[in-house]
Protein backbone atom coordinates (compact mmCIF):
# COMPACT_ATOMS: atom_id res chain seq x y z
CA MET A 1 -15.22 -4.13 7.47
CA PHE A 2 -11.78 -5.07 8.24
CA ASP A 3 -12.62 -8.96 8.04
CA ASN A 4 -10.75 -9.59 5.38
CA THR A 5 -7.30 -10.48 3.71
CA ARG A 6 -4.44 -8.11 5.39
CA TYR A 7 -1.59 -6.48 3.27
CA ILE A 8 1.07 -4.25 4.34
CA THR A 9 2.81 -2.37 1.80
CA ARG A 10 6.87 -2.47 1.60
CA GLY A 11 7.44 0.81 3.57
CA ILE A 12 5.78 -0.98 6.27
CA LYS A 13 7.92 -3.98 6.13
CA ASN A 14 10.67 -1.73 6.42
CA GLU A 15 10.33 0.81 8.73
CA ILE A 16 7.58 -0.80 11.02
CA PRO A 17 8.91 -3.50 13.47
CA LEU A 18 6.53 -6.63 13.42
CA GLU A 19 5.61 -6.08 17.11
CA LEU A 20 4.09 -2.77 16.17
CA GLN A 21 2.57 -3.86 13.21
CA LEU A 22 0.70 -6.97 15.17
CA PHE A 23 0.30 -4.30 18.04
CA ILE A 24 -1.92 -1.76 15.67
CA TRP A 25 -3.47 -4.87 13.99
CA ASN A 26 -5.34 -6.03 17.08
CA CYS A 27 -5.94 -2.38 17.98
CA ILE A 28 -8.38 -2.63 14.71
CA ASP A 29 -9.63 -5.57 16.33
CA GLU A 30 -9.80 -4.99 19.68
CA LEU A 31 -12.86 -1.93 18.46
CA LYS A 32 -14.49 -5.20 16.19
CA GLY A 33 -14.95 -7.21 19.48
CA GLN A 34 -16.22 -4.70 21.02
CA GLY A 35 -18.72 -4.08 18.52
CA LYS A 36 -17.99 -0.69 17.71
CA GLN A 37 -18.45 0.87 14.25
CA LEU A 38 -15.29 1.33 12.29
CA ASP A 39 -14.76 3.98 9.64
CA TYR A 40 -12.63 2.28 6.45
CA LEU A 41 -9.84 4.56 7.21
CA GLN A 42 -7.91 3.73 10.67
CA VAL A 43 -5.19 6.66 11.41
CA PHE A 44 -2.45 5.69 13.66
CA GLU A 45 0.66 8.23 14.94
CA LEU A 46 3.38 7.01 16.53
CA LYS A 47 5.97 9.22 18.10
CA ARG A 48 8.82 9.18 20.63
CA GLU A 49 8.07 10.50 23.92
CA ILE A 50 10.70 10.22 26.97
CA VAL A 51 8.37 9.58 30.61
CA ASP A 52 11.10 9.27 33.36
CA ASP A 53 13.83 8.98 31.04
CA ILE A 54 12.87 6.22 28.97
CA ALA A 55 12.09 6.31 25.62
CA MET A 56 8.19 4.62 25.17
CA GLN A 57 6.79 4.15 22.14
CA LYS A 58 3.52 6.81 21.89
CA ILE A 59 1.13 5.55 19.34
CA GLU A 60 -2.14 7.32 18.81
CA HIS A 61 -5.25 5.26 17.07
CA ARG A 62 -8.19 7.51 15.79
CA GLN A 63 -11.02 7.64 13.27
CA GLU A 64 -13.15 10.01 11.73
CA VAL A 65 -16.95 8.67 11.54
CA PRO A 66 -17.64 8.05 14.07
CA LYS A 67 -14.93 10.03 16.34
CA TYR A 68 -12.89 7.90 18.38
CA GLU A 69 -9.42 8.80 19.56
CA LYS A 70 -6.86 6.36 21.83
CA THR A 71 -3.91 7.45 23.31
CA TYR A 72 -1.19 4.21 23.77
CA LYS A 73 2.08 4.15 25.29
CA ILE A 74 3.96 1.03 25.02
CA LEU A 75 7.54 -0.29 25.63
CA PRO A 76 8.65 -1.76 22.16
CA GLU A 77 12.30 -2.66 21.29
CA GLY A 78 12.46 -0.10 18.76
CA VAL A 79 11.08 3.02 18.95
CA VAL A 80 9.61 5.23 15.80
CA SER A 81 8.14 8.19 14.80
CA ALA A 82 5.68 7.51 11.78
CA LYS A 83 2.00 8.06 9.96
CA ILE A 84 0.64 4.75 9.33
CA PHE A 85 -2.87 4.54 7.25
CA VAL A 86 -5.08 1.00 7.32
CA ILE A 87 -7.82 1.16 4.65
CA ASP A 88 -10.44 -1.51 4.57
CA ASP A 89 -11.71 -1.45 0.86
CA ASN A 90 -14.03 -4.49 1.29
CA THR A 91 -11.89 -6.85 -0.19
CA HIS A 92 -8.72 -6.39 1.90
CA SER A 93 -7.05 -4.17 4.36
CA THR A 94 -3.87 -2.60 3.57
CA MET A 95 -1.89 -0.69 6.51
CA LEU A 96 0.75 1.40 4.81
CA LEU A 97 2.93 4.75 6.17
CA ALA A 98 1.01 8.13 4.94
CA GLU A 99 3.63 8.88 2.98
CA GLU A 100 2.92 5.82 0.26
CA TYR A 101 -0.88 7.36 -0.29
């Protein structure tokens, strides 16, 4: 799973900085590299969080089966708020905004 051609939607291209797109793909690749079982649907919630008066990007990564949750905080160039799905249909993987689903 997630070993195929990767695509992004127009919404991702226009609203999510490349740095965050790459970070999200890397989160999935890390799980694969650890031998973890991946659900076909990966969910990422991006939120702004203030830490010591600095705007940080909070990224919550989760899947339902098997249950997995991990939270990251990074300092990107631009902070965004969005819910992102990454879906694998066995022929390709697509990153899209939740509202594009």
